[in-house]
Amino acid sequence: MIRLGLTGSIGMGKSTVAAMFADEGVPVFDADATVHALQGPHGALVPAIEHAFPGTTTENGVDRAKLGALVLNDSAAIARLEAIVHPAVGAARAAFIARHRAAPLVVLDVPLLFETGGNAQVDKVAVVSAAPEVQRKRVLARPGQSAAKFEAILARQLPDADKRARADFVIATDVPLDATRATVRAVIACLLVDLRG
């Protein structure tokens, strides 16, 4: 099995690319969706997050806006939250890999792959990328997003140029969707040839 780490900064189109891999029949582990489930109604992490950050949860799980505002510019709080979240996501990822052990290729969709050292746990890395002005426009079009929030998130992420320099593959999303899909198919073909070779 080849484990392909899929990553990219905020607003680069990673979810779109992950869906393209899934459309091609490749099992995809979505770290963000896993976090949402763990922090949602009756989520396994809700009690630990409420204990560490009192008042940030409701009967619907973690109030992400409230928690986000609390940790956004506080590196100690972010570290405390990550110490709760990362081991649980790691366990979910290990279970996913075990479930798909017969697959020749799986995609691990992890936004902070390089930042958390997750690149050491994959065989190859694909970085999803777009021009900075495209990225900014996409992010600022999201509900509840602001320029200040965007800059704070970017400050915590490895710059796009650094990610691209460390990637085995770069998948552009500031091109027509068909071109992005063609790149995804080329990446899959390349990896499966490696596996057979």
N, C-alpha and C. Protein backbone atom coordinates (compact mmCIF):
# COMPACT_ATOMS: atom_id res chain seq x y z
N MET A 1 0.83 -1.21 0.00
CA MET A 1 0.00 0.00 0.00
C MET A 1 0.87 1.25 0.00
N ILE A 2 0.49 2.20 -0.84
CA ILE A 2 1.15 3.51 -0.82
C ILE A 2 0.23 4.48 -0.08
N ARG A 3 0.80 5.20 0.90
CA ARG A 3 0.04 6.22 1.63
C ARG A 3 0.44 7.58 1.09
N LEU A 4 -0.48 8.24 0.42
CA LEU A 4 -0.24 9.56 -0.14
C LEU A 4 -0.80 10.61 0.79
N GLY A 5 0.07 11.47 1.30
CA GLY A 5 -0.38 12.59 2.12
C GLY A 5 -0.84 13.72 1.22
N LEU A 6 -2.06 14.19 1.42
CA LEU A 6 -2.61 15.30 0.63
C LEU A 6 -2.73 16.50 1.55
N THR A 7 -2.08 17.60 1.17
CA THR A 7 -2.10 18.77 2.04
C THR A 7 -2.13 20.04 1.20
N GLY A 8 -2.28 21.15 1.87
CA GLY A 8 -2.34 22.44 1.20
C GLY A 8 -2.85 23.47 2.18
N SER A 9 -2.47 24.69 1.99
CA SER A 9 -2.88 25.76 2.89
C SER A 9 -4.38 26.06 2.73
N ILE A 10 -4.90 26.86 3.64
CA ILE A 10 -6.32 27.23 3.61
C ILE A 10 -6.68 27.86 2.25
N GLY A 11 -7.84 27.46 1.72
CA GLY A 11 -8.34 28.07 0.50
C GLY A 11 -7.69 27.60 -0.79
N MET A 12 -6.89 26.53 -0.71
CA MET A 12 -6.19 26.06 -1.91
C MET A 12 -7.01 25.07 -2.75
N GLY A 13 -8.12 24.56 -2.19
CA GLY A 13 -8.94 23.63 -2.96
C GLY A 13 -8.69 22.17 -2.63
N LYS A 14 -8.18 21.92 -1.44
CA LYS A 14 -7.82 20.55 -1.04
C LYS A 14 -9.04 19.63 -0.99
N SER A 15 -10.17 20.13 -0.50
CA SER A 15 -11.38 19.30 -0.42
C SER A 15 -11.84 18.87 -1.81
N THR A 16 -11.74 19.78 -2.77
CA THR A 16 -12.12 19.46 -4.16
C THR A 16 -11.22 18.36 -4.70
N VAL A 17 -9.92 18.48 -4.44
CA VAL A 17 -8.96 17.48 -4.94
C VAL A 17 -9.18 16.13 -4.23
N ALA A 18 -9.44 16.17 -2.92
CA ALA A 18 -9.69 14.92 -2.18
C ALA A 18 -10.90 14.21 -2.78
N ALA A 19 -11.94 14.97 -3.13
CA ALA A 19 -13.14 14.38 -3.73
C ALA A 19 -12.81 13.76 -5.09
N MET A 20 -11.87 14.36 -5.82
CA MET A 20 -11.46 13.79 -7.12
C MET A 20 -10.77 12.45 -6.93
N PHE A 21 -9.92 12.34 -5.90
CA PHE A 21 -9.29 11.03 -5.61
C PHE A 21 -10.37 10.00 -5.27
N ALA A 22 -11.33 10.40 -4.45
CA ALA A 22 -12.42 9.49 -4.08
C ALA A 22 -13.21 9.06 -5.31
N ASP A 23 -13.45 10.01 -6.23
CA ASP A 23 -14.17 9.70 -7.48
C ASP A 23 -13.44 8.65 -8.31
N GLU A 24 -12.11 8.62 -8.16
CA GLU A 24 -11.30 7.64 -8.90
C GLU A 24 -11.19 6.30 -8.16
N GLY A 25 -11.93 6.18 -7.05
CA GLY A 25 -11.95 4.92 -6.31
C GLY A 25 -10.86 4.77 -5.27
N VAL A 26 -10.16 5.86 -4.96
CA VAL A 26 -9.09 5.80 -3.95
C VAL A 26 -9.69 6.10 -2.58
N PRO A 27 -9.49 5.24 -1.58
CA PRO A 27 -9.99 5.54 -0.24
C PRO A 27 -9.31 6.81 0.31
N VAL A 28 -10.11 7.72 0.87
CA VAL A 28 -9.59 9.00 1.37
C VAL A 28 -9.92 9.14 2.85
N PHE A 29 -8.90 9.39 3.66
CA PHE A 29 -9.09 9.71 5.08
C PHE A 29 -9.10 11.23 5.22
N ASP A 30 -10.20 11.78 5.73
CA ASP A 30 -10.37 13.23 5.85
C ASP A 30 -10.17 13.63 7.31
N ALA A 31 -8.99 14.20 7.61
CA ALA A 31 -8.67 14.57 8.99
C ALA A 31 -9.65 15.62 9.52
N ASP A 32 -10.02 16.61 8.68
CA ASP A 32 -10.95 17.65 9.12
C ASP A 32 -12.32 17.07 9.49
N ALA A 33 -12.83 16.17 8.63
CA ALA A 33 -14.14 15.56 8.90
C ALA A 33 -14.09 14.73 10.19
N THR A 34 -12.94 14.10 10.41
CA THR A 34 -12.76 13.31 11.64
C THR A 34 -12.81 14.22 12.87
N VAL A 35 -12.13 15.36 12.78
CA VAL A 35 -12.15 16.33 13.89
C VAL A 35 -13.57 16.82 14.14
N HIS A 36 -14.29 17.13 13.06
CA HIS A 36 -15.69 17.60 13.20
C HIS A 36 -16.54 16.55 13.93
N ALA A 37 -16.36 15.29 13.56
CA ALA A 37 -17.13 14.22 14.20
C ALA A 37 -16.76 14.07 15.68
N LEU A 38 -15.47 14.15 15.96
CA LEU A 38 -15.00 14.01 17.35
C LEU A 38 -15.46 15.18 18.23
N GLN A 39 -15.70 16.35 17.60
CA GLN A 39 -16.10 17.54 18.35
C GLN A 39 -17.59 17.84 18.21
N GLY A 40 -18.32 17.03 17.44
CA GLY A 40 -19.73 17.27 17.20
C GLY A 40 -20.60 16.74 18.33
N PRO A 41 -21.92 16.68 18.11
CA PRO A 41 -22.83 16.16 19.14
C PRO A 41 -22.40 14.77 19.60
N HIS A 42 -22.26 14.61 20.90
CA HIS A 42 -21.82 13.34 21.52
C HIS A 42 -20.43 12.91 21.06
N GLY A 43 -19.64 13.85 20.54
CA GLY A 43 -18.28 13.54 20.08
C GLY A 43 -17.39 13.13 21.23
N ALA A 44 -16.47 12.22 20.95
CA ALA A 44 -15.59 11.66 21.98
C ALA A 44 -14.71 12.71 22.66
N LEU A 45 -14.39 13.80 21.97
CA LEU A 45 -13.48 14.79 22.54
C LEU A 45 -14.18 15.94 23.28
N VAL A 46 -15.51 15.99 23.20
CA VAL A 46 -16.24 17.13 23.78
C VAL A 46 -15.95 17.29 25.28
N PRO A 47 -16.02 16.22 26.09
CA PRO A 47 -15.75 16.41 27.53
C PRO A 47 -14.34 16.94 27.81
N ALA A 48 -13.33 16.42 27.11
CA ALA A 48 -11.95 16.86 27.34
C ALA A 48 -11.76 18.32 26.93
N ILE A 49 -12.41 18.73 25.84
CA ILE A 49 -12.29 20.13 25.39
C ILE A 49 -13.01 21.06 26.36
N GLU A 50 -14.17 20.64 26.85
CA GLU A 50 -14.91 21.47 27.84
C GLU A 50 -14.08 21.62 29.11
N HIS A 51 -13.41 20.53 29.51
CA HIS A 51 -12.57 20.57 30.72
C HIS A 51 -11.40 21.55 30.53
N ALA A 52 -10.77 21.50 29.37
CA ALA A 52 -9.60 22.36 29.10
C ALA A 52 -9.99 23.80 28.78
N PHE A 53 -11.17 23.95 28.14
CA PHE A 53 -11.64 25.28 27.72
C PHE A 53 -13.10 25.46 28.15
N PRO A 54 -13.33 25.72 29.44
CA PRO A 54 -14.71 25.78 29.95
C PRO A 54 -15.58 26.78 29.18
N GLY A 55 -16.82 26.34 28.92
CA GLY A 55 -17.77 27.23 28.25
C GLY A 55 -17.72 27.20 26.74
N THR A 56 -16.91 26.28 26.16
CA THR A 56 -16.78 26.26 24.70
C THR A 56 -17.61 25.14 24.05
N THR A 57 -18.40 24.43 24.86
CA THR A 57 -19.22 23.36 24.28
C THR A 57 -20.69 23.55 24.65
N THR A 58 -21.55 22.94 23.83
CA THR A 58 -23.00 22.96 24.09
C THR A 58 -23.49 21.53 23.86
N GLU A 59 -24.83 21.35 23.89
CA GLU A 59 -25.38 20.01 23.61
C GLU A 59 -25.11 19.60 22.16
N ASN A 60 -24.73 20.56 21.31
CA ASN A 60 -24.39 20.25 19.92
C ASN A 60 -22.90 20.01 19.71
N GLY A 61 -22.17 19.88 20.80
CA GLY A 61 -20.73 19.65 20.70
C GLY A 61 -19.95 20.93 20.91
N VAL A 62 -18.76 20.99 20.31
CA VAL A 62 -17.89 22.15 20.49
C VAL A 62 -18.42 23.33 19.67
N ASP A 63 -18.48 24.49 20.31
CA ASP A 63 -18.82 25.73 19.61
C ASP A 63 -17.51 26.20 18.96
N ARG A 64 -17.34 25.87 17.67
CA ARG A 64 -16.07 26.10 16.99
C ARG A 64 -15.70 27.59 16.93
N ALA A 65 -16.70 28.44 16.79
CA ALA A 65 -16.43 29.89 16.73
C ALA A 65 -15.87 30.37 18.07
N LYS A 66 -16.49 29.91 19.15
CA LYS A 66 -16.06 30.32 20.50
C LYS A 66 -14.66 29.77 20.82
N LEU A 67 -14.46 28.48 20.50
CA LEU A 67 -13.16 27.86 20.74
C LEU A 67 -12.09 28.51 19.87
N GLY A 68 -12.43 28.76 18.61
CA GLY A 68 -11.49 29.38 17.68
C GLY A 68 -11.04 30.75 18.15
N ALA A 69 -12.00 31.54 18.62
CA ALA A 69 -11.68 32.89 19.11
C ALA A 69 -10.76 32.82 20.33
N LEU A 70 -10.94 31.77 21.13
CA LEU A 70 -10.15 31.61 22.36
C LEU A 70 -8.71 31.21 22.07
N VAL A 71 -8.50 30.40 21.03
CA VAL A 71 -7.15 29.87 20.80
C VAL A 71 -6.39 30.57 19.66
N LEU A 72 -7.10 31.35 18.84
CA LEU A 72 -6.54 31.86 17.59
C LEU A 72 -5.14 32.43 17.70
N ASN A 73 -4.91 33.34 18.64
CA ASN A 73 -3.58 33.97 18.74
C ASN A 73 -2.83 33.57 20.01
N ASP A 74 -3.18 32.40 20.54
CA ASP A 74 -2.58 31.93 21.80
C ASP A 74 -1.90 30.58 21.56
N SER A 75 -0.59 30.61 21.36
CA SER A 75 0.12 29.37 20.99
C SER A 75 0.06 28.31 22.09
N ALA A 76 0.00 28.73 23.36
CA ALA A 76 -0.10 27.75 24.46
C ALA A 76 -1.47 27.06 24.42
N ALA A 77 -2.51 27.84 24.15
CA ALA A 77 -3.87 27.27 24.06
C ALA A 77 -3.97 26.34 22.86
N ILE A 78 -3.36 26.72 21.75
CA ILE A 78 -3.37 25.87 20.55
C ILE A 78 -2.67 24.55 20.86
N ALA A 79 -1.54 24.62 21.55
CA ALA A 79 -0.80 23.40 21.91
C ALA A 79 -1.64 22.50 22.81
N ARG A 80 -2.38 23.12 23.75
CA ARG A 80 -3.24 22.37 24.66
C ARG A 80 -4.36 21.66 23.89
N LEU A 81 -4.94 22.38 22.93
CA LEU A 81 -6.01 21.80 22.11
C LEU A 81 -5.46 20.68 21.22
N GLU A 82 -4.31 20.90 20.61
CA GLU A 82 -3.71 19.88 19.74
C GLU A 82 -3.36 18.61 20.51
N ALA A 83 -2.97 18.76 21.78
CA ALA A 83 -2.63 17.59 22.60
C ALA A 83 -3.87 16.72 22.85
N ILE A 84 -5.05 17.34 22.77
CA ILE A 84 -6.30 16.59 22.91
C ILE A 84 -6.70 15.97 21.57
N VAL A 85 -6.60 16.77 20.52
CA VAL A 85 -7.13 16.38 19.21
C VAL A 85 -6.24 15.41 18.44
N HIS A 86 -4.93 15.71 18.38
CA HIS A 86 -4.05 14.93 17.49
C HIS A 86 -3.99 13.43 17.79
N PRO A 87 -3.89 13.01 19.07
CA PRO A 87 -3.86 11.55 19.31
C PRO A 87 -5.14 10.85 18.85
N ALA A 88 -6.29 11.52 19.02
CA ALA A 88 -7.57 10.91 18.61
C ALA A 88 -7.65 10.80 17.09
N VAL A 89 -7.16 11.82 16.38
CA VAL A 89 -7.14 11.77 14.92
C VAL A 89 -6.17 10.68 14.45
N GLY A 90 -5.03 10.58 15.13
CA GLY A 90 -4.05 9.54 14.80
C GLY A 90 -4.64 8.14 14.94
N ALA A 91 -5.42 7.93 15.99
CA ALA A 91 -6.06 6.62 16.20
C ALA A 91 -7.08 6.34 15.10
N ALA A 92 -7.84 7.38 14.70
CA ALA A 92 -8.83 7.21 13.63
C ALA A 92 -8.13 6.91 12.30
N ARG A 93 -6.99 7.57 12.07
CA ARG A 93 -6.23 7.34 10.83
C ARG A 93 -5.69 5.90 10.79
N ALA A 94 -5.18 5.42 11.92
CA ALA A 94 -4.66 4.04 11.98
C ALA A 94 -5.78 3.04 11.71
N ALA A 95 -6.97 3.31 12.24
CA ALA A 95 -8.12 2.41 12.01
C ALA A 95 -8.52 2.44 10.54
N PHE A 96 -8.47 3.61 9.91
CA PHE A 96 -8.78 3.75 8.49
C PHE A 96 -7.81 2.92 7.65
N ILE A 97 -6.52 3.02 7.94
CA ILE A 97 -5.50 2.28 7.18
C ILE A 97 -5.71 0.78 7.36
N ALA A 98 -6.03 0.36 8.57
CA ALA A 98 -6.28 -1.07 8.81
C ALA A 98 -7.49 -1.56 8.01
N ARG A 99 -8.54 -0.72 7.95
CA ARG A 99 -9.76 -1.08 7.20
C ARG A 99 -9.49 -1.23 5.70
N HIS A 100 -8.54 -0.45 5.19
CA HIS A 100 -8.28 -0.43 3.75
C HIS A 100 -6.94 -1.09 3.40
N ARG A 101 -6.49 -2.02 4.24
CA ARG A 101 -5.15 -2.58 4.04
C ARG A 101 -4.98 -3.28 2.70
N ALA A 102 -6.08 -3.69 2.07
CA ALA A 102 -5.98 -4.37 0.78
C ALA A 102 -5.87 -3.38 -0.39
N ALA A 103 -6.09 -2.09 -0.14
CA ALA A 103 -6.04 -1.10 -1.22
C ALA A 103 -4.59 -0.82 -1.62
N PRO A 104 -4.32 -0.65 -2.93
CA PRO A 104 -2.94 -0.35 -3.34
C PRO A 104 -2.52 1.08 -2.99
N LEU A 105 -3.53 1.97 -2.85
CA LEU A 105 -3.26 3.39 -2.61
C LEU A 105 -4.34 3.96 -1.72
N VAL A 106 -3.94 4.70 -0.69
CA VAL A 106 -4.90 5.48 0.10
C VAL A 106 -4.40 6.91 0.19
N VAL A 107 -5.34 7.83 0.34
CA VAL A 107 -5.01 9.25 0.50
C VAL A 107 -5.32 9.66 1.92
N LEU A 108 -4.34 10.30 2.56
CA LEU A 108 -4.55 10.85 3.90
C LEU A 108 -4.60 12.37 3.74
N ASP A 109 -5.81 12.92 3.82
CA ASP A 109 -6.06 14.35 3.63
C ASP A 109 -5.85 15.04 4.98
N VAL A 110 -4.68 15.69 5.11
CA VAL A 110 -4.29 16.30 6.40
C VAL A 110 -3.84 17.74 6.15
N PRO A 111 -4.65 18.73 6.58
CA PRO A 111 -4.30 20.14 6.30
C PRO A 111 -2.92 20.54 6.81
N LEU A 112 -2.57 20.15 8.04
CA LEU A 112 -1.30 20.57 8.64
C LEU A 112 -0.28 19.41 8.61
N LEU A 113 -0.16 18.76 7.47
CA LEU A 113 0.69 17.57 7.36
C LEU A 113 2.14 17.87 7.74
N PHE A 114 2.73 18.90 7.12
CA PHE A 114 4.13 19.25 7.42
C PHE A 114 4.25 19.84 8.83
N GLU A 115 3.29 20.70 9.18
CA GLU A 115 3.36 21.41 10.46
C GLU A 115 3.32 20.46 11.66
N THR A 116 2.64 19.30 11.50
CA THR A 116 2.52 18.35 12.61
C THR A 116 3.47 17.16 12.49
N GLY A 117 4.33 17.18 11.45
CA GLY A 117 5.25 16.07 11.26
C GLY A 117 4.60 14.85 10.64
N GLY A 118 3.37 15.00 10.15
CA GLY A 118 2.64 13.87 9.56
C GLY A 118 3.27 13.35 8.28
N ASN A 119 4.10 14.19 7.65
CA ASN A 119 4.76 13.76 6.41
C ASN A 119 5.68 12.56 6.64
N ALA A 120 6.12 12.35 7.90
CA ALA A 120 6.97 11.19 8.22
C ALA A 120 6.17 9.89 8.19
N GLN A 121 4.83 10.00 8.22
CA GLN A 121 3.98 8.80 8.26
C GLN A 121 3.36 8.46 6.92
N VAL A 122 3.79 9.14 5.85
CA VAL A 122 3.27 8.85 4.51
C VAL A 122 4.44 8.51 3.59
N ASP A 123 4.10 7.89 2.44
CA ASP A 123 5.14 7.51 1.49
C ASP A 123 5.45 8.62 0.50
N LYS A 124 4.42 9.37 0.10
CA LYS A 124 4.57 10.48 -0.84
C LYS A 124 3.65 11.61 -0.39
N VAL A 125 3.95 12.82 -0.87
CA VAL A 125 3.14 13.99 -0.50
C VAL A 125 2.70 14.72 -1.76
N ALA A 126 1.40 15.03 -1.83
CA ALA A 126 0.85 15.88 -2.89
C ALA A 126 0.37 17.18 -2.24
N VAL A 127 0.82 18.30 -2.77
CA VAL A 127 0.42 19.60 -2.25
C VAL A 127 -0.55 20.26 -3.24
N VAL A 128 -1.68 20.70 -2.72
CA VAL A 128 -2.68 21.41 -3.52
C VAL A 128 -2.36 22.89 -3.44
N SER A 129 -2.29 23.54 -4.60
CA SER A 129 -1.81 24.93 -4.62
C SER A 129 -2.58 25.78 -5.61
N ALA A 130 -2.63 27.07 -5.33
CA ALA A 130 -3.24 28.05 -6.23
C ALA A 130 -2.52 29.37 -6.02
N ALA A 131 -2.70 30.30 -6.93
CA ALA A 131 -2.07 31.61 -6.80
C ALA A 131 -2.58 32.31 -5.54
N PRO A 132 -1.74 33.12 -4.88
CA PRO A 132 -2.14 33.78 -3.63
C PRO A 132 -3.43 34.58 -3.74
N GLU A 133 -3.63 35.27 -4.88
CA GLU A 133 -4.84 36.09 -5.00
C GLU A 133 -6.10 35.23 -5.12
N VAL A 134 -5.96 34.03 -5.72
CA VAL A 134 -7.09 33.09 -5.82
C VAL A 134 -7.40 32.55 -4.42
N GLN A 135 -6.35 32.17 -3.71
CA GLN A 135 -6.50 31.66 -2.34
C GLN A 135 -7.22 32.69 -1.46
N ARG A 136 -6.76 33.92 -1.50
CA ARG A 136 -7.33 34.98 -0.65
C ARG A 136 -8.81 35.21 -0.97
N LYS A 137 -9.11 35.27 -2.26
CA LYS A 137 -10.50 35.50 -2.69
C LYS A 137 -11.42 34.38 -2.20
N ARG A 138 -10.95 33.13 -2.32
CA ARG A 138 -11.75 31.98 -1.86
C ARG A 138 -12.02 32.05 -0.36
N VAL A 139 -10.97 32.33 0.40
CA VAL A 139 -11.10 32.32 1.86
C VAL A 139 -12.02 33.45 2.33
N LEU A 140 -11.82 34.64 1.78
CA LEU A 140 -12.62 35.80 2.24
C LEU A 140 -14.08 35.70 1.80
N ALA A 141 -14.37 34.80 0.85
CA ALA A 141 -15.77 34.58 0.43
C ALA A 141 -16.51 33.65 1.40
N ARG A 142 -15.77 33.01 2.32
CA ARG A 142 -16.40 32.08 3.27
C ARG A 142 -17.14 32.85 4.36
N PRO A 143 -18.26 32.31 4.85
CA PRO A 143 -18.99 32.98 5.92
C PRO A 143 -18.14 33.11 7.18
N GLY A 144 -18.21 34.26 7.82
CA GLY A 144 -17.50 34.47 9.10
C GLY A 144 -16.01 34.65 8.96
N GLN A 145 -15.52 34.73 7.75
CA GLN A 145 -14.07 34.88 7.56
C GLN A 145 -13.73 36.37 7.42
N SER A 146 -12.56 36.73 7.91
CA SER A 146 -12.10 38.12 7.79
C SER A 146 -10.63 38.10 7.40
N ALA A 147 -10.15 39.25 6.94
CA ALA A 147 -8.74 39.35 6.55
C ALA A 147 -7.85 39.04 7.74
N ALA A 148 -8.22 39.52 8.94
CA ALA A 148 -7.41 39.29 10.14
C ALA A 148 -7.35 37.80 10.48
N LYS A 149 -8.50 37.12 10.40
CA LYS A 149 -8.54 35.67 10.68
C LYS A 149 -7.68 34.91 9.67
N PHE A 150 -7.83 35.32 8.41
CA PHE A 150 -7.07 34.68 7.33
C PHE A 150 -5.57 34.81 7.58
N GLU A 151 -5.12 36.01 7.94
CA GLU A 151 -3.69 36.24 8.20
C GLU A 151 -3.22 35.42 9.40
N ALA A 152 -4.06 35.31 10.44
CA ALA A 152 -3.68 34.54 11.64
C ALA A 152 -3.53 33.06 11.30
N ILE A 153 -4.43 32.55 10.46
CA ILE A 153 -4.35 31.14 10.05
C ILE A 153 -3.10 30.91 9.20
N LEU A 154 -2.86 31.82 8.24
CA LEU A 154 -1.68 31.70 7.37
C LEU A 154 -0.39 31.70 8.19
N ALA A 155 -0.37 32.50 9.24
CA ALA A 155 0.84 32.62 10.08
C ALA A 155 1.20 31.28 10.73
N ARG A 156 0.19 30.43 10.95
CA ARG A 156 0.43 29.12 11.58
C ARG A 156 0.75 28.04 10.56
N GLN A 157 0.59 28.34 9.29
CA GLN A 157 0.82 27.34 8.25
C GLN A 157 2.15 27.59 7.56
N LEU A 158 2.80 26.50 7.19
CA LEU A 158 4.03 26.60 6.40
C LEU A 158 3.69 27.30 5.08
N PRO A 159 4.51 28.25 4.64
CA PRO A 159 4.19 28.95 3.38
C PRO A 159 4.02 27.98 2.22
N ASP A 160 3.13 28.35 1.31
CA ASP A 160 2.82 27.50 0.15
C ASP A 160 4.09 27.14 -0.63
N ALA A 161 4.98 28.10 -0.82
CA ALA A 161 6.20 27.83 -1.60
C ALA A 161 7.04 26.74 -0.93
N ASP A 162 7.11 26.75 0.40
CA ASP A 162 7.85 25.72 1.14
C ASP A 162 7.19 24.35 0.98
N LYS A 163 5.85 24.34 1.04
CA LYS A 163 5.13 23.06 0.87
C LYS A 163 5.39 22.50 -0.53
N ARG A 164 5.30 23.36 -1.53
CA ARG A 164 5.52 22.90 -2.91
C ARG A 164 6.95 22.36 -3.08
N ALA A 165 7.92 23.02 -2.43
CA ALA A 165 9.32 22.60 -2.55
C ALA A 165 9.53 21.21 -1.93
N ARG A 166 8.72 20.87 -0.92
CA ARG A 166 8.89 19.59 -0.22
C ARG A 166 7.98 18.49 -0.77
N ALA A 167 7.13 18.83 -1.74
CA ALA A 167 6.14 17.87 -2.25
C ALA A 167 6.73 16.95 -3.32
N ASP A 168 6.15 15.77 -3.42
CA ASP A 168 6.46 14.87 -4.53
C ASP A 168 5.61 15.25 -5.75
N PHE A 169 4.42 15.77 -5.49
CA PHE A 169 3.50 16.19 -6.54
C PHE A 169 2.87 17.53 -6.14
N VAL A 170 2.64 18.40 -7.12
CA VAL A 170 1.89 19.64 -6.88
C VAL A 170 0.65 19.59 -7.78
N ILE A 171 -0.51 19.80 -7.17
CA ILE A 171 -1.77 19.77 -7.91
C ILE A 171 -2.36 21.18 -7.90
N ALA A 172 -2.40 21.80 -9.07
CA ALA A 172 -2.90 23.18 -9.19
C ALA A 172 -4.42 23.20 -9.25
N THR A 173 -5.03 24.18 -8.56
CA THR A 173 -6.49 24.32 -8.59
C THR A 173 -6.91 25.69 -9.11
N ASP A 174 -5.96 26.49 -9.59
CA ASP A 174 -6.34 27.77 -10.20
C ASP A 174 -6.35 27.62 -11.72
N VAL A 175 -6.73 26.41 -12.15
CA VAL A 175 -6.84 26.04 -13.57
C VAL A 175 -8.23 25.42 -13.74
N PRO A 176 -8.68 25.18 -14.98
CA PRO A 176 -9.99 24.52 -15.13
C PRO A 176 -10.04 23.18 -14.38
N LEU A 177 -11.24 22.84 -13.87
CA LEU A 177 -11.40 21.61 -13.09
C LEU A 177 -10.92 20.37 -13.83
N ASP A 178 -11.15 20.33 -15.13
CA ASP A 178 -10.71 19.17 -15.92
C ASP A 178 -9.19 19.01 -15.88
N ALA A 179 -8.49 20.14 -15.84
CA ALA A 179 -7.02 20.08 -15.78
C ALA A 179 -6.57 19.55 -14.42
N THR A 180 -7.26 19.99 -13.36
CA THR A 180 -6.94 19.49 -12.01
C THR A 180 -7.21 17.99 -11.95
N ARG A 181 -8.36 17.56 -12.50
CA ARG A 181 -8.71 16.14 -12.48
C ARG A 181 -7.68 15.31 -13.27
N ALA A 182 -7.19 15.87 -14.38
CA ALA A 182 -6.17 15.16 -15.18
C ALA A 182 -4.90 14.98 -14.36
N THR A 183 -4.54 15.99 -13.57
CA THR A 183 -3.34 15.89 -12.71
C THR A 183 -3.55 14.81 -11.66
N VAL A 184 -4.74 14.78 -11.05
CA VAL A 184 -5.05 13.75 -10.05
C VAL A 184 -4.90 12.36 -10.66
N ARG A 185 -5.44 12.19 -11.85
CA ARG A 185 -5.33 10.87 -12.52
C ARG A 185 -3.88 10.52 -12.83
N ALA A 186 -3.10 11.53 -13.21
CA ALA A 186 -1.68 11.29 -13.51
C ALA A 186 -0.91 10.88 -12.25
N VAL A 187 -1.25 11.52 -11.12
CA VAL A 187 -0.61 11.17 -9.83
C VAL A 187 -0.94 9.73 -9.47
N ILE A 188 -2.21 9.35 -9.60
CA ILE A 188 -2.62 7.97 -9.28
C ILE A 188 -1.86 6.98 -10.18
N ALA A 189 -1.83 7.27 -11.48
CA ALA A 189 -1.15 6.37 -12.43
C ALA A 189 0.33 6.23 -12.09
N CYS A 190 0.96 7.34 -11.77
CA CYS A 190 2.39 7.36 -11.43
C CYS A 190 2.66 6.49 -10.18
N LEU A 191 1.82 6.66 -9.16
CA LEU A 191 2.01 5.91 -7.92
C LEU A 191 1.75 4.42 -8.11
N LEU A 192 0.75 4.08 -8.90
CA LEU A 192 0.45 2.66 -9.11
C LEU A 192 1.51 1.99 -9.98
N VAL A 193 2.11 2.74 -10.90
CA VAL A 193 3.25 2.20 -11.67
C VAL A 193 4.41 1.93 -10.74
N ASP A 194 4.68 2.88 -9.80
CA ASP A 194 5.75 2.69 -8.80
C ASP A 194 5.51 1.40 -8.00
N LEU A 195 4.25 1.19 -7.63
CA LEU A 195 3.91 0.04 -6.81
C LEU A 195 4.15 -1.26 -7.58
N ARG A 196 3.75 -1.27 -8.85
CA ARG A 196 3.93 -2.49 -9.65
C ARG A 196 5.41 -2.71 -10.00
N GLY A 197 6.14 -1.57 -10.14
CA GLY A 197 7.54 -1.67 -10.52
C GLY A 197 8.38 -2.23 -9.40
